[in-house]
Amino acid sequence: MPQRLHLVFGGELKDPAKNTFENVDDIHIVGMFPDYASAHAAWQAEAQRTVDDAHTRYFIAHIHRLRDEEQEASPTEELGD
């Protein structure tokens, strides 16, 4: 079974109605998680911690979706050659 990596990150948004960060250098990387359940628990903890700040938002990125295991190389890997 392939590993399903998830990245939890967040920070202050320019506008709470959009997903554009105020300062990319200040993004808080919570961590990388081996499954959705543990990523969701980490996301929930950070979201709850910052619930009173409308401009702070946390996200779960499905890192495993960036790579297609059925292909020899993903388009991202091909860029590095």
N, C-alpha and C. Protein backbone atom coordinates (compact mmCIF):
# COMPACT_ATOMS: atom_id res chain seq x y z
N MET A 1 0.84 -1.18 0.00
CA MET A 1 0.00 0.00 0.00
C MET A 1 0.89 1.25 0.00
N PRO A 2 0.63 2.19 -0.92
CA PRO A 2 1.47 3.40 -0.96
C PRO A 2 1.23 4.30 0.24
N GLN A 3 2.26 5.03 0.59
CA GLN A 3 2.16 5.97 1.71
C GLN A 3 1.41 7.21 1.25
N ARG A 4 0.51 7.71 2.08
CA ARG A 4 -0.31 8.88 1.76
C ARG A 4 0.11 10.04 2.63
N LEU A 5 1.08 10.83 2.18
CA LEU A 5 1.61 11.93 2.97
C LEU A 5 0.70 13.16 2.91
N HIS A 6 0.60 13.83 4.05
CA HIS A 6 -0.21 15.04 4.17
C HIS A 6 0.59 16.10 4.90
N LEU A 7 0.58 17.32 4.38
CA LEU A 7 1.28 18.45 4.98
C LEU A 7 0.25 19.39 5.60
N VAL A 8 0.46 19.76 6.86
CA VAL A 8 -0.40 20.72 7.54
C VAL A 8 0.38 22.02 7.70
N PHE A 9 -0.22 23.11 7.22
CA PHE A 9 0.44 24.41 7.29
C PHE A 9 -0.61 25.51 7.38
N GLY A 10 -0.18 26.69 7.77
CA GLY A 10 -1.11 27.80 7.84
C GLY A 10 -0.41 29.10 8.16
N GLY A 11 -1.22 30.13 8.28
CA GLY A 11 -0.68 31.44 8.59
C GLY A 11 -1.71 32.53 8.39
N GLU A 12 -1.23 33.75 8.42
CA GLU A 12 -2.11 34.91 8.29
C GLU A 12 -2.44 35.17 6.82
N LEU A 13 -3.72 35.33 6.54
CA LEU A 13 -4.17 35.61 5.18
C LEU A 13 -4.33 37.11 4.97
N LYS A 14 -4.17 37.56 3.73
CA LYS A 14 -4.40 38.97 3.39
C LYS A 14 -5.87 39.33 3.59
N ASP A 15 -6.73 38.42 3.17
CA ASP A 15 -8.18 38.62 3.23
C ASP A 15 -8.79 37.29 3.66
N PRO A 16 -9.59 37.26 4.73
CA PRO A 16 -10.14 35.98 5.20
C PRO A 16 -11.06 35.29 4.18
N ALA A 17 -11.49 36.01 3.16
CA ALA A 17 -12.35 35.40 2.14
C ALA A 17 -11.55 34.74 1.02
N LYS A 18 -10.22 34.88 1.07
CA LYS A 18 -9.36 34.31 0.03
C LYS A 18 -8.26 33.46 0.68
N ASN A 19 -7.51 32.75 -0.15
CA ASN A 19 -6.44 31.88 0.36
C ASN A 19 -5.06 32.39 -0.01
N THR A 20 -4.84 33.70 0.12
CA THR A 20 -3.54 34.31 -0.17
C THR A 20 -2.90 34.73 1.14
N PHE A 21 -1.68 34.24 1.38
CA PHE A 21 -1.00 34.54 2.63
C PHE A 21 -0.46 35.97 2.65
N GLU A 22 -0.49 36.59 3.81
CA GLU A 22 0.05 37.93 4.00
C GLU A 22 1.55 37.94 3.73
N ASN A 23 2.27 36.97 4.30
CA ASN A 23 3.72 36.89 4.13
C ASN A 23 4.11 35.41 4.06
N VAL A 24 4.52 34.96 2.91
CA VAL A 24 4.87 33.55 2.71
C VAL A 24 6.01 33.11 3.63
N ASP A 25 6.91 34.02 3.97
CA ASP A 25 8.02 33.68 4.86
C ASP A 25 7.54 33.34 6.27
N ASP A 26 6.34 33.77 6.63
CA ASP A 26 5.81 33.52 7.97
C ASP A 26 4.85 32.33 8.05
N ILE A 27 4.76 31.54 6.99
CA ILE A 27 3.88 30.38 7.01
C ILE A 27 4.35 29.41 8.09
N HIS A 28 3.42 28.95 8.90
CA HIS A 28 3.71 27.99 9.97
C HIS A 28 3.55 26.58 9.41
N ILE A 29 4.65 25.85 9.34
CA ILE A 29 4.61 24.45 8.91
C ILE A 29 4.40 23.61 10.15
N VAL A 30 3.24 23.02 10.27
CA VAL A 30 2.92 22.19 11.43
C VAL A 30 3.66 20.86 11.32
N GLY A 31 3.62 20.26 10.13
CA GLY A 31 4.34 19.01 9.93
C GLY A 31 3.79 18.17 8.81
N MET A 32 4.50 17.06 8.55
CA MET A 32 4.12 16.08 7.54
C MET A 32 3.58 14.86 8.29
N PHE A 33 2.47 14.32 7.80
CA PHE A 33 1.80 13.22 8.49
C PHE A 33 1.56 12.05 7.53
N PRO A 34 1.64 10.82 8.04
CA PRO A 34 1.56 9.64 7.19
C PRO A 34 0.15 9.23 6.79
N ASP A 35 -0.86 9.87 7.37
CA ASP A 35 -2.24 9.53 7.02
C ASP A 35 -3.14 10.73 7.30
N TYR A 36 -4.32 10.69 6.70
CA TYR A 36 -5.24 11.83 6.82
C TYR A 36 -5.71 12.03 8.26
N ALA A 37 -5.94 10.96 8.98
CA ALA A 37 -6.46 11.07 10.35
C ALA A 37 -5.51 11.86 11.25
N SER A 38 -4.22 11.55 11.19
CA SER A 38 -3.27 12.29 12.03
C SER A 38 -3.08 13.72 11.53
N ALA A 39 -3.14 13.94 10.21
CA ALA A 39 -3.06 15.30 9.66
C ALA A 39 -4.27 16.11 10.10
N HIS A 40 -5.43 15.49 10.07
CA HIS A 40 -6.66 16.19 10.47
C HIS A 40 -6.61 16.56 11.96
N ALA A 41 -6.09 15.69 12.78
CA ALA A 41 -5.97 15.98 14.21
C ALA A 41 -5.03 17.17 14.44
N ALA A 42 -3.92 17.22 13.72
CA ALA A 42 -2.98 18.33 13.84
C ALA A 42 -3.61 19.63 13.32
N TRP A 43 -4.30 19.54 12.18
CA TRP A 43 -5.00 20.71 11.62
C TRP A 43 -6.03 21.24 12.61
N GLN A 44 -6.81 20.34 13.18
CA GLN A 44 -7.87 20.72 14.12
C GLN A 44 -7.29 21.42 15.35
N ALA A 45 -6.17 20.92 15.85
CA ALA A 45 -5.53 21.53 17.02
C ALA A 45 -5.08 22.96 16.70
N GLU A 46 -4.46 23.16 15.55
CA GLU A 46 -4.00 24.50 15.17
C GLU A 46 -5.18 25.42 14.86
N ALA A 47 -6.19 24.92 14.19
CA ALA A 47 -7.37 25.73 13.87
C ALA A 47 -8.08 26.15 15.16
N GLN A 48 -8.17 25.26 16.11
CA GLN A 48 -8.81 25.58 17.39
C GLN A 48 -7.99 26.60 18.18
N ARG A 49 -6.67 26.46 18.11
CA ARG A 49 -5.78 27.38 18.82
C ARG A 49 -5.90 28.81 18.29
N THR A 50 -6.21 28.94 17.01
CA THR A 50 -6.27 30.27 16.37
C THR A 50 -7.70 30.68 16.01
N VAL A 51 -8.68 30.05 16.63
CA VAL A 51 -10.08 30.27 16.27
C VAL A 51 -10.52 31.73 16.39
N ASP A 52 -9.92 32.49 17.27
CA ASP A 52 -10.32 33.89 17.47
C ASP A 52 -9.68 34.85 16.47
N ASP A 53 -8.79 34.37 15.63
CA ASP A 53 -8.13 35.22 14.65
C ASP A 53 -8.67 34.88 13.26
N ALA A 54 -9.57 35.73 12.75
CA ALA A 54 -10.24 35.46 11.47
C ALA A 54 -9.26 35.43 10.29
N HIS A 55 -8.10 36.06 10.44
CA HIS A 55 -7.14 36.11 9.33
C HIS A 55 -6.18 34.92 9.31
N THR A 56 -6.21 34.09 10.34
CA THR A 56 -5.31 32.94 10.38
C THR A 56 -6.07 31.69 9.95
N ARG A 57 -5.49 30.96 9.01
CA ARG A 57 -6.14 29.78 8.48
C ARG A 57 -5.12 28.66 8.30
N TYR A 58 -5.52 27.43 8.56
CA TYR A 58 -4.67 26.26 8.38
C TYR A 58 -5.26 25.36 7.31
N PHE A 59 -4.38 24.63 6.63
CA PHE A 59 -4.76 23.79 5.49
C PHE A 59 -4.09 22.42 5.59
N ILE A 60 -4.70 21.45 4.92
CA ILE A 60 -4.09 20.12 4.75
C ILE A 60 -3.82 19.96 3.26
N ALA A 61 -2.56 19.75 2.90
CA ALA A 61 -2.18 19.49 1.51
C ALA A 61 -1.94 17.99 1.35
N HIS A 62 -2.56 17.42 0.35
CA HIS A 62 -2.42 16.00 0.06
C HIS A 62 -1.19 15.80 -0.83
N ILE A 63 -0.04 15.69 -0.18
CA ILE A 63 1.24 15.61 -0.90
C ILE A 63 1.28 14.39 -1.82
N HIS A 64 0.67 13.31 -1.42
CA HIS A 64 0.70 12.09 -2.24
C HIS A 64 0.02 12.30 -3.58
N ARG A 65 -0.83 13.29 -3.71
CA ARG A 65 -1.51 13.55 -4.99
C ARG A 65 -0.60 14.24 -5.99
N LEU A 66 0.56 14.72 -5.56
CA LEU A 66 1.49 15.37 -6.46
C LEU A 66 2.27 14.37 -7.30
N ARG A 67 2.21 13.12 -6.91
CA ARG A 67 2.96 12.09 -7.62
C ARG A 67 2.03 10.96 -8.04
N ASP A 68 2.11 10.59 -9.30
CA ASP A 68 1.33 9.47 -9.83
C ASP A 68 2.24 8.25 -9.83
N GLU A 69 1.99 7.32 -8.93
CA GLU A 69 2.84 6.14 -8.78
C GLU A 69 2.83 5.24 -10.02
N GLU A 70 1.85 5.39 -10.89
CA GLU A 70 1.75 4.56 -12.08
C GLU A 70 2.68 5.05 -13.20
N GLN A 71 3.15 6.28 -13.11
CA GLN A 71 4.03 6.84 -14.13
C GLN A 71 5.48 6.70 -13.70
N GLU A 72 6.38 6.59 -14.69
CA GLU A 72 7.80 6.47 -14.40
C GLU A 72 8.33 7.71 -13.68
N ALA A 73 7.92 8.89 -14.14
CA ALA A 73 8.33 10.16 -13.50
C ALA A 73 7.16 11.12 -13.56
N SER A 74 6.97 11.85 -12.49
CA SER A 74 5.90 12.85 -12.47
C SER A 74 6.36 14.09 -13.23
N PRO A 75 5.43 14.94 -13.66
CA PRO A 75 5.83 16.17 -14.34
C PRO A 75 6.76 17.04 -13.48
N THR A 76 6.59 17.00 -12.17
CA THR A 76 7.46 17.77 -11.26
C THR A 76 8.88 17.23 -11.31
N GLU A 77 9.04 15.92 -11.30
CA GLU A 77 10.37 15.32 -11.34
C GLU A 77 11.06 15.60 -12.66
N GLU A 78 10.31 15.63 -13.76
CA GLU A 78 10.88 15.89 -15.07
C GLU A 78 11.46 17.30 -15.16
N LEU A 79 10.92 18.23 -14.41
CA LEU A 79 11.42 19.61 -14.43
C LEU A 79 12.84 19.69 -13.88
N GLY A 80 13.21 18.77 -13.00
CA GLY A 80 14.52 18.80 -12.37
C GLY A 80 15.64 18.26 -13.24
N ASP A 81 15.33 17.59 -14.34
CA ASP A 81 16.38 17.01 -15.19
C ASP A 81 17.07 18.03 -16.03
